[in-house]
PDB file of N, CA and C in Angstrom:
ATOM      1  N   MET A   1     116.896 124.666  59.071  1.00  0.00           N
ATOM      2  CA  MET A   1     116.085 123.772  59.881  1.00  0.00           C
ATOM      3  C   MET A   1     115.779 124.437  61.222  1.00  0.00           C
ATOM      4  N   ASN A   2     114.533 124.392  61.640  1.00  0.00           N
ATOM      5  CA  ASN A   2     114.127 124.976  62.910  1.00  0.00           C
ATOM      6  C   ASN A   2     114.228 123.943  64.022  1.00  0.00           C
ATOM      7  N   TYR A   3     114.735 124.388  65.150  1.00  0.00           N
ATOM      8  CA  TYR A   3     114.845 123.539  66.325  1.00  0.00           C
ATOM      9  C   TYR A   3     114.022 124.146  67.443  1.00  0.00           C
ATOM     10  N   SER A   4     113.438 123.290  68.274  1.00  0.00           N
ATOM     11  CA  SER A   4     112.689 123.786  69.415  1.00  0.00           C
ATOM     12  C   SER A   4     112.752 122.767  70.546  1.00  0.00           C
ATOM     13  N   CYS A   5     112.479 123.251  71.748  1.00  0.00           N
ATOM     14  CA  CYS A   5     112.466 122.393  72.934  1.00  0.00           C
ATOM     15  C   CYS A   5     111.388 121.330  72.763  1.00  0.00           C
ATOM     16  N   ALA A   6     111.744 120.096  73.020  1.00  0.00           N
ATOM     17  CA  ALA A   6     110.809 118.979  72.862  1.00  0.00           C
ATOM     18  C   ALA A   6     109.666 119.034  73.866  1.00  0.00           C
ATOM     19  N   ILE A   7     109.803 119.817  74.919  1.00  0.00           N
ATOM     20  CA  ILE A   7     108.757 119.872  75.940  1.00  0.00           C
ATOM     21  C   ILE A   7     107.881 121.107  75.791  1.00  0.00           C
ATOM     22  N   CYS A   8     108.488 122.288  75.803  1.00  0.00           N
ATOM     23  CA  CYS A   8     107.682 123.514  75.821  1.00  0.00           C
ATOM     24  C   CYS A   8     107.581 124.197  74.467  1.00  0.00           C
ATOM     25  N   GLY A   9     108.388 123.773  73.498  1.00  0.00           N
ATOM     26  CA  GLY A   9     108.316 124.364  72.175  1.00  0.00           C
ATOM     27  C   GLY A   9     109.156 125.616  71.985  1.00  0.00           C
ATOM     28  N   GLU A  10     109.888 126.034  73.007  1.00  0.00           N
ATOM     29  CA  GLU A  10     110.751 127.212  72.886  1.00  0.00           C
ATOM     30  C   GLU A  10     111.677 127.044  71.686  1.00  0.00           C
ATOM     31  N   ASP A  11     111.740 128.098  70.844  1.00  0.00           N
ATOM     32  CA  ASP A  11     112.582 127.985  69.652  1.00  0.00           C
ATOM     33  C   ASP A  11     113.663 129.060  69.568  1.00  0.00           C
ATOM     34  N   ASP A  12     113.860 129.801  70.644  1.00  0.00           N
ATOM     35  CA  ASP A  12     114.918 130.807  70.693  1.00  0.00           C
ATOM     36  C   ASP A  12     116.253 130.094  70.879  1.00  0.00           C
ATOM     37  N   SER A  13     117.111 130.164  69.891  1.00  0.00           N
ATOM     38  CA  SER A  13     118.374 129.429  69.922  1.00  0.00           C
ATOM     39  C   SER A  13     119.272 129.851  71.086  1.00  0.00           C
ATOM     40  N   ARG A  14     119.032 131.018  71.657  1.00  0.00           N
ATOM     41  CA  ARG A  14     119.849 131.473  72.788  1.00  0.00           C
ATOM     42  C   ARG A  14     119.548 130.693  74.054  1.00  0.00           C
ATOM     43  N   VAL A  15     118.374 130.076  74.150  1.00  0.00           N
ATOM     44  CA  VAL A  15     118.036 129.335  75.366  1.00  0.00           C
ATOM     45  C   VAL A  15     117.910 127.830  75.137  1.00  0.00           C
ATOM     46  N   LEU A  16     118.047 127.408  73.896  1.00  0.00           N
ATOM     47  CA  LEU A  16     118.063 125.967  73.644  1.00  0.00           C
ATOM     48  C   LEU A  16     119.392 125.453  74.154  1.00  0.00           C
ATOM     49  N   LYS A  17     119.328 124.550  75.103  1.00  0.00           N
ATOM     50  CA  LYS A  17     120.531 124.155  75.822  1.00  0.00           C
ATOM     51  C   LYS A  17     121.311 123.081  75.096  1.00  0.00           C
ATOM     52  N   GLN A  18     120.766 121.922  75.033  1.00  0.00           N
ATOM     53  CA  GLN A  18     121.501 120.796  74.465  1.00  0.00           C
ATOM     54  C   GLN A  18     120.568 119.605  74.362  1.00  0.00           C
ATOM     55  N   TYR A  19     121.105 118.551  73.839  1.00  0.00           N
ATOM     56  CA  TYR A  19     120.337 117.312  73.786  1.00  0.00           C
ATOM     57  C   TYR A  19     120.433 116.622  75.137  1.00  0.00           C
ATOM     58  N   HIS A  20     119.295 116.226  75.648  1.00  0.00           N
ATOM     59  CA  HIS A  20     119.201 115.564  76.950  1.00  0.00           C
ATOM     60  C   HIS A  20     119.071 114.060  76.729  1.00  0.00           C
ATOM     61  N   HIS A  21     119.879 113.285  77.431  1.00  0.00           N
ATOM     62  CA  HIS A  21     119.772 111.828  77.370  1.00  0.00           C
ATOM     63  C   HIS A  21     118.538 111.411  78.170  1.00  0.00           C
ATOM     64  N   VAL A  22     117.554 110.867  77.491  1.00  0.00           N
ATOM     65  CA  VAL A  22     116.273 110.538  78.128  1.00  0.00           C
ATOM     66  C   VAL A  22     116.458 109.567  79.287  1.00  0.00           C
ATOM     67  N   PHE A  23     117.282 108.551  79.103  1.00  0.00           N
ATOM     68  CA  PHE A  23     117.482 107.535  80.137  1.00  0.00           C
ATOM     69  C   PHE A  23     118.814 107.681  80.850  1.00  0.00           C
ATOM     70  N   GLY A  24     119.472 108.810  80.705  1.00  0.00           N
ATOM     71  CA  GLY A  24     120.779 109.022  81.299  1.00  0.00           C
ATOM     72  C   GLY A  24     121.885 108.616  80.330  1.00  0.00           C
ATOM     73  N   LYS A  25     123.054 109.189  80.527  1.00  0.00           N
ATOM     74  CA  LYS A  25     124.177 108.950  79.625  1.00  0.00           C
ATOM     75  C   LYS A  25     124.648 107.498  79.649  1.00  0.00           C
ATOM     76  N   ASN A  26     124.459 106.827  80.769  1.00  0.00           N
ATOM     77  CA  ASN A  26     124.964 105.470  80.917  1.00  0.00           C
ATOM     78  C   ASN A  26     124.051 104.396  80.338  1.00  0.00           C
ATOM     79  N   PHE A  27     122.829 104.805  79.948  1.00  0.00           N
ATOM     80  CA  PHE A  27     121.884 103.796  79.496  1.00  0.00           C
ATOM     81  C   PHE A  27     121.020 104.364  78.378  1.00  0.00           C
ATOM     82  N   GLY A  28     121.352 104.040  77.197  1.00  0.00           N
ATOM     83  CA  GLY A  28     120.551 104.475  76.058  1.00  0.00           C
ATOM     84  C   GLY A  28     121.113 105.688  75.359  1.00  0.00           C
ATOM     85  N   LYS A  29     120.894 105.735  74.068  1.00  0.00           N
ATOM     86  CA  LYS A  29     121.383 106.839  73.250  1.00  0.00           C
ATOM     87  C   LYS A  29     120.268 107.804  72.876  1.00  0.00           C
ATOM     88  N   GLU A  30     119.050 107.563  73.349  1.00  0.00           N
ATOM     89  CA  GLU A  30     117.909 108.407  73.007  1.00  0.00           C
ATOM     90  C   GLU A  30     118.102 109.800  73.603  1.00  0.00           C
ATOM     91  N   LYS A  31     118.007 110.826  72.743  1.00  0.00           N
ATOM     92  CA  LYS A  31     118.183 112.207  73.179  1.00  0.00           C
ATOM     93  C   LYS A  31     117.055 113.069  72.649  1.00  0.00           C
ATOM     94  N   ILE A  32     116.765 114.139  73.404  1.00  0.00           N
ATOM     95  CA  ILE A  32     115.803 115.144  72.963  1.00  0.00           C
ATOM     96  C   ILE A  32     116.413 116.522  73.222  1.00  0.00           C
ATOM     97  N   LEU A  33     116.064 117.483  72.376  1.00  0.00           N
ATOM     98  CA  LEU A  33     116.546 118.850  72.541  1.00  0.00           C
ATOM     99  C   LEU A  33     115.659 119.563  73.556  1.00  0.00           C
ATOM    100  N   LEU A  34     116.283 120.195  74.545  1.00  0.00           N
ATOM    101  CA  LEU A  34     115.546 120.912  75.582  1.00  0.00           C
ATOM    102  C   LEU A  34     116.083 122.331  75.741  1.00  0.00           C
ATOM    103  N   CYS A  35     115.193 123.227  76.137  1.00  0.00           N
ATOM    104  CA  CYS A  35     115.626 124.575  76.490  1.00  0.00           C
ATOM    105  C   CYS A  35     116.270 124.517  77.878  1.00  0.00           C
ATOM    106  N   HIS A  36     116.879 125.611  78.245  1.00  0.00           N
ATOM    107  CA  HIS A  36     117.573 125.680  79.527  1.00  0.00           C
ATOM    108  C   HIS A  36     116.631 125.369  80.696  1.00  0.00           C
ATOM    109  N   ASN A  37     115.436 125.970  80.695  1.00  0.00           N
ATOM    110  CA  ASN A  37     114.507 125.780  81.823  1.00  0.00           C
ATOM    111  C   ASN A  37     114.046 124.334  81.961  1.00  0.00           C
ATOM    112  N   CYS A  38     113.602 123.735  80.877  1.00  0.00           N
ATOM    113  CA  CYS A  38     113.112 122.357  80.943  1.00  0.00           C
ATOM    114  C   CYS A  38     114.237 121.405  81.324  1.00  0.00           C
ATOM    115  N   HIS A  39     115.417 121.626  80.776  1.00  0.00           N
ATOM    116  CA  HIS A  39     116.556 120.766  81.101  1.00  0.00           C
ATOM    117  C   HIS A  39     116.905 120.873  82.580  1.00  0.00           C
ATOM    118  N   ASP A  40     116.915 122.091  83.104  1.00  0.00           N
ATOM    119  CA  ASP A  40     117.245 122.276  84.517  1.00  0.00           C
ATOM    120  C   ASP A  40     116.228 121.625  85.447  1.00  0.00           C
ATOM    121  N   LYS A  41     114.949 121.653  85.091  1.00  0.00           N
ATOM    122  CA  LYS A  41     113.924 121.017  85.920  1.00  0.00           C
ATOM    123  C   LYS A  41     114.154 119.510  86.012  1.00  0.00           C
ATOM    124  N   ILE A  42     114.497 118.893  84.901  1.00  0.00           N
ATOM    125  CA  ILE A  42     114.722 117.444  84.886  1.00  0.00           C
ATOM    126  C   ILE A  42     116.021 117.102  85.608  1.00  0.00           C
ATOM    127  N   THR A  43     117.068 117.858  85.345  1.00  0.00           N
ATOM    128  CA  THR A  43     118.353 117.614  85.995  1.00  0.00           C
ATOM    129  C   THR A  43     118.246 117.803  87.506  1.00  0.00           C
ATOM    130  N   TYR A  44     117.458 118.773  87.939  1.00  0.00           N
ATOM    131  CA  TYR A  44     117.253 119.007  89.372  1.00  0.00           C
ATOM    132  C   TYR A  44     116.724 117.740  90.048  1.00  0.00           C
ATOM    133  N   GLU A  45     115.746 117.105  89.417  1.00  0.00           N
ATOM    134  CA  GLU A  45     115.191 115.864  89.977  1.00  0.00           C
ATOM    135  C   GLU A  45     116.225 114.738  89.964  1.00  0.00           C
ATOM    136  N   GLN A  46     116.985 114.621  88.879  1.00  0.00           N
ATOM    137  CA  GLN A  46     118.005 113.583  88.797  1.00  0.00           C
ATOM    138  C   GLN A  46     119.064 113.778  89.878  1.00  0.00           C
ATOM    139  N   ASN A  47     119.428 115.023  90.134  1.00  0.00           N
ATOM    140  CA  ASN A  47     120.484 115.311  91.094  1.00  0.00           C
ATOM    141  C   ASN A  47     120.067 115.120  92.545  1.00  0.00           C
ATOM    142  N   LYS A  48     118.804 114.832  92.789  1.00  0.00           N
ATOM    143  CA  LYS A  48     118.370 114.496  94.143  1.00  0.00           C
ATOM    144  C   LYS A  48     118.906 113.122  94.550  1.00  0.00           C
ATOM    145  N   LEU A  49     119.300 112.333  93.554  1.00  0.00           N
ATOM    146  CA  LEU A  49     119.869 111.013  93.816  1.00  0.00           C
ATOM    147  C   LEU A  49     121.365 111.146  94.083  1.00  0.00           C
ATOM    148  N   GLN A  50     121.896 110.249  94.895  1.00  0.00           N
ATOM    149  CA  GLN A  50     123.328 110.238  95.193  1.00  0.00           C
ATOM    150  C   GLN A  50     124.134 109.971  93.924  1.00  0.00           C
ATOM    151  N   PRO A  51     125.362 110.492  93.853  1.00  0.00           N
ATOM    152  CA  PRO A  51     126.194 110.266  92.674  1.00  0.00           C
ATOM    153  C   PRO A  51     126.362 108.791  92.307  1.00  0.00           C
ATOM    154  N   LYS A  52     126.493 107.918  93.287  1.00  0.00           N
ATOM    155  CA  LYS A  52     126.679 106.496  92.951  1.00  0.00           C
ATOM    156  C   LYS A  52     125.440 105.918  92.272  1.00  0.00           C
ATOM    157  N   VAL A  53     124.274 106.469  92.567  1.00  0.00           N
ATOM    158  CA  VAL A  53     123.040 106.022  91.908  1.00  0.00           C
ATOM    159  C   VAL A  53     122.997 106.587  90.488  1.00  0.00           C
ATOM    160  N   ARG A  54     123.349 107.875  90.346  1.00  0.00           N
ATOM    161  CA  ARG A  54     123.308 108.524  89.029  1.00  0.00           C
ATOM    162  C   ARG A  54     124.316 107.932  88.051  1.00  0.00           C
ATOM    163  N   LYS A  55     125.389 107.364  88.547  1.00  0.00           N
ATOM    164  CA  LYS A  55     126.445 106.851  87.669  1.00  0.00           C
ATOM    165  C   LYS A  55     126.389 105.345  87.469  1.00  0.00           C
ATOM    166  N   ALA A  56     125.390 104.707  88.016  1.00  0.00           N
ATOM    167  CA  ALA A  56     125.283 103.250  87.921  1.00  0.00           C
ATOM    168  C   ALA A  56     125.153 102.796  86.477  1.00  0.00           C
ATOM    169  N   LYS A  57     125.742 101.667  86.189  1.00  0.00           N
ATOM    170  CA  LYS A  57     125.663 101.103  84.838  1.00  0.00           C
ATOM    171  C   LYS A  57     124.860  99.816  84.808  1.00  0.00           C
ATOM    172  N   SER A  58     124.456  99.358  85.972  1.00  0.00           N
ATOM    173  CA  SER A  58     123.626  98.155  86.043  1.00  0.00           C
ATOM    174  C   SER A  58     123.002  98.066  87.431  1.00  0.00           C
ATOM    175  N   GLY A  59     122.097  97.111  87.580  1.00  0.00           N
ATOM    176  CA  GLY A  59     121.498  96.837  88.878  1.00  0.00           C
ATOM    177  C   GLY A  59     120.393  97.797  89.280  1.00  0.00           C
ATOM    178  N   ILE A  60     120.059  97.736  90.560  1.00  0.00           N
ATOM    179  CA  ILE A  60     118.933  98.490  91.103  1.00  0.00           C
ATOM    180  C   ILE A  60     119.145 100.002  90.981  1.00  0.00           C
ATOM    181  N   PHE A  61     120.391 100.465  91.132  1.00  0.00           N
ATOM    182  CA  PHE A  61     120.645 101.898  91.022  1.00  0.00           C
ATOM    183  C   PHE A  61     120.335 102.413  89.626  1.00  0.00           C
ATOM    184  N   LEU A  62     120.652 101.622  88.620  1.00  0.00           N
ATOM    185  CA  LEU A  62     120.342 102.030  87.245  1.00  0.00           C
ATOM    186  C   LEU A  62     118.833 102.119  87.051  1.00  0.00           C
ATOM    187  N   ILE A  63     118.112 101.142  87.561  1.00  0.00           N
ATOM    188  CA  ILE A  63     116.648 101.153  87.451  1.00  0.00           C
ATOM    189  C   ILE A  63     116.079 102.385  88.144  1.00  0.00           C
ATOM    190  N   VAL A  64     116.587 102.681  89.342  1.00  0.00           N
ATOM    191  CA  VAL A  64     116.127 103.858  90.090  1.00  0.00           C
ATOM    192  C   VAL A  64     116.396 105.131  89.290  1.00  0.00           C
ATOM    193  N   PHE A  65     117.589 105.242  88.717  1.00  0.00           N
ATOM    194  CA  PHE A  65     117.931 106.439  87.964  1.00  0.00           C
ATOM    195  C   PHE A  65     117.064 106.593  86.711  1.00  0.00           C
ATOM    196  N   VAL A  66     116.865 105.504  85.986  1.00  0.00           N
ATOM    197  CA  VAL A  66     116.043 105.566  84.776  1.00  0.00           C
ATOM    198  C   VAL A  66     114.610 105.948  85.132  1.00  0.00           C
ATOM    199  N   LEU A  67     114.067 105.353  86.170  1.00  0.00           N
ATOM    200  CA  LEU A  67     112.703 105.702  86.589  1.00  0.00           C
ATOM    201  C   LEU A  67     112.609 107.165  87.010  1.00  0.00           C
ATOM    202  N   ARG A  68     113.596 107.655  87.745  1.00  0.00           N
ATOM    203  CA  ARG A  68     113.598 109.060  88.171  1.00  0.00           C
ATOM    204  C   ARG A  68     113.689 109.972  86.948  1.00  0.00           C
ATOM    205  N   SER A  69     114.554 109.624  85.998  1.00  0.00           N
ATOM    206  CA  SER A  69     114.750 110.452  84.809  1.00  0.00           C
ATOM    207  C   SER A  69     113.481 110.540  83.963  1.00  0.00           C
ATOM    208  N   VAL A  70     112.883 109.398  83.693  1.00  0.00           N
ATOM    209  CA  VAL A  70     111.669 109.383  82.878  1.00  0.00           C
ATOM    210  C   VAL A  70     110.515 110.035  83.639  1.00  0.00           C
ATOM    211  N   GLY A  71     110.430 109.783  84.935  1.00  0.00           N
ATOM    212  CA  GLY A  71     109.392 110.407  85.749  1.00  0.00           C
ATOM    213  C   GLY A  71     109.499 111.922  85.749  1.00  0.00           C
ATOM    214  N   ALA A  72     110.723 112.444  85.872  1.00  0.00           N
ATOM    215  CA  ALA A  72     110.932 113.897  85.852  1.00  0.00           C
ATOM    216  C   ALA A  72     110.553 114.469  84.493  1.00  0.00           C
ATOM    217  N   LEU A  73     110.914 113.778  83.436  1.00  0.00           N
ATOM    218  CA  LEU A  73     110.563 114.216  82.082  1.00  0.00           C
ATOM    219  C   LEU A  73     109.050 114.257  81.910  1.00  0.00           C
ATOM    220  N   LEU A  74     108.371 113.207  82.334  1.00  0.00           N
ATOM    221  CA  LEU A  74     106.908 113.160  82.208  1.00  0.00           C
ATOM    222  C   LEU A  74     106.226 114.210  83.081  1.00  0.00           C
ATOM    223  N   GLU A  75     106.799 114.484  84.241  1.00  0.00           N
ATOM    224  CA  GLU A  75     106.224 115.506  85.119  1.00  0.00           C
ATOM    225  C   GLU A  75     106.281 116.886  84.459  1.00  0.00           C
ATOM    226  N   VAL A  76     107.416 117.221  83.860  1.00  0.00           N
ATOM    227  CA  VAL A  76     107.550 118.511  83.190  1.00  0.00           C
ATOM    228  C   VAL A  76     106.615 118.579  81.981  1.00  0.00           C
ATOM    229  N   ILE A  77     106.537 117.499  81.223  1.00  0.00           N
ATOM    230  CA  ILE A  77     105.615 117.459  80.084  1.00  0.00           C
ATOM    231  C   ILE A  77     104.180 117.619  80.566  1.00  0.00           C
ATOM    232  N   GLY A  78     103.816 116.924  81.626  1.00  0.00           N
ATOM    233  CA  GLY A  78     102.461 116.999  82.166  1.00  0.00           C
ATOM    234  C   GLY A  78     102.085 118.403  82.607  1.00  0.00           C
ATOM    235  N   ARG A  79     102.989 119.079  83.297  1.00  0.00           N
ATOM    236  CA  ARG A  79     102.705 120.465  83.726  1.00  0.00           C
ATOM    237  C   ARG A  79     102.485 121.370  82.521  1.00  0.00           C
ATOM    238  N   ASN A  80     103.276 121.174  81.481  1.00  0.00           N
ATOM    239  CA  ASN A  80     103.116 121.988  80.278  1.00  0.00           C
ATOM    240  C   ASN A  80     101.801 121.685  79.568  1.00  0.00           C
ATOM    241  N   LEU A  81     101.405 120.434  79.518  1.00  0.00           N
ATOM    242  CA  LEU A  81     100.128 120.079  78.887  1.00  0.00           C
ATOM    243  C   LEU A  81      98.953 120.680  79.656  1.00  0.00           C
ATOM    244  N   ILE A  82      99.027 120.678  80.972  1.00  0.00           N
ATOM    245  CA  ILE A  82      97.969 121.286  81.783  1.00  0.00           C
ATOM    246  C   ILE A  82      97.910 122.786  81.523  1.00  0.00           C
ATOM    247  N   ARG A  83      99.067 123.433  81.463  1.00  0.00           N
ATOM    248  CA  ARG A  83      99.126 124.874  81.181  1.00  0.00           C
ATOM    249  C   ARG A  83      98.518 125.182  79.813  1.00  0.00           C
ATOM    250  N   ILE A  84      98.846 124.375  78.821  1.00  0.00           N
ATOM    251  CA  ILE A  84      98.302 124.580  77.477  1.00  0.00           C
ATOM    252  C   ILE A  84      96.789 124.374  77.469  1.00  0.00           C
ATOM    253  N   SER A  85      96.319 123.337  78.170  1.00  0.00           N
ATOM    254  CA  SER A  85      94.870 123.089  78.190  1.00  0.00           C
ATOM    255  C   SER A  85      94.134 124.229  78.875  1.00  0.00           C
ATOM    256  N   ASP A  86      94.695 124.773  79.949  1.00  0.00           N
ATOM    257  CA  ASP A  86      94.082 125.920  80.625  1.00  0.00           C
ATOM    258  C   ASP A  86      94.019 127.123  79.701  1.00  0.00           C
ATOM    259  N   SER A  87      95.083 127.338  78.966  1.00  0.00           N
ATOM    260  CA  SER A  87      95.126 128.459  78.036  1.00  0.00           C
ATOM    261  C   SER A  87      94.088 128.301  76.926  1.00  0.00           C
ATOM    262  N   LEU A  88      93.960 127.097  76.390  1.00  0.00           N
ATOM    263  CA  LEU A  88      92.956 126.841  75.351  1.00  0.00           C
ATOM    264  C   LEU A  88      91.542 127.053  75.874  1.00  0.00           C
ATOM    265  N   LEU A  89      91.305 126.617  77.090  1.00  0.00           N
ATOM    266  CA  LEU A  89      89.979 126.792  77.682  1.00  0.00           C
ATOM    267  C   LEU A  89      89.661 128.269  77.857  1.00  0.00           C
ATOM    268  N   GLU A  90      90.632 129.051  78.297  1.00  0.00           N
ATOM    269  CA  GLU A  90      90.427 130.493  78.452  1.00  0.00           C
ATOM    270  C   GLU A  90      90.126 131.150  77.103  1.00  0.00           C
ATOM    271  N   GLU A  91      90.840 130.752  76.070  1.00  0.00           N
ATOM    272  CA  GLU A  91      90.588 131.294  74.726  1.00  0.00           C
ATOM    273  C   GLU A  91      89.186 130.917  74.244  1.00  0.00           C
ATOM    274  N   TRP A  92      88.778 129.689  74.510  1.00  0.00           N
ATOM    275  CA  TRP A  92      87.443 129.243  74.112  1.00  0.00           C
ATOM    276  C   TRP A  92      86.377 130.070  74.828  1.00  0.00           C
ATOM    277  N   LYS A  93      86.572 130.327  76.126  1.00  0.00           N
ATOM    278  CA  LYS A  93      85.617 131.124  76.879  1.00  0.00           C
ATOM    279  C   LYS A  93      85.482 132.531  76.305  1.00  0.00           C
ATOM    280  N   LYS A  94      86.597 133.116  75.880  1.00  0.00           N
ATOM    281  CA  LYS A  94      86.564 134.454  75.286  1.00  0.00           C
ATOM    282  C   LYS A  94      85.753 134.456  73.998  1.00  0.00           C
ATOM    283  N   CYS A  95      85.877 133.403  73.230  1.00  0.00           N
ATOM    284  CA  CYS A  95      85.149 133.307  71.951  1.00  0.00           C
ATOM    285  C   CYS A  95      83.655 133.106  72.159  1.00  0.00           C
ATOM    286  N   GLN A  96      83.239 132.612  73.304  1.00  0.00           N
ATOM    287  CA  GLN A  96      81.833 132.336  73.581  1.00  0.00           C
ATOM    288  C   GLN A  96      81.064 133.581  73.993  1.00  0.00           C
ATOM    289  N   LYS A  97      81.782 134.644  74.298  1.00  0.00           N
ATOM    290  CA  LYS A  97      81.116 135.876  74.761  1.00  0.00           C
ATOM    291  C   LYS A  97      80.542 136.655  73.615  1.00  0.00           C
TER     292      LYS A  97
END
């Protein structure tokens, strides 16, 4: 079975890091496989929050953490989609010559 990063598609097993909890370990069991780079980008954003916010199990801190986590995930996905679209456009331009 082939595994790849859910965001960038990297399939080199040496850099596939682990399954990332989409909504954090304290809330939800949904996980995705990420490479080291994509995982670090999302974790970097999560770690901007204070530990008491990151470890919350209920209340406003949990909402803040979940929003930050999903927002960071979508931001990384969005940057990759823009990069892919730019690459496709460049390839299309080459074919038009």
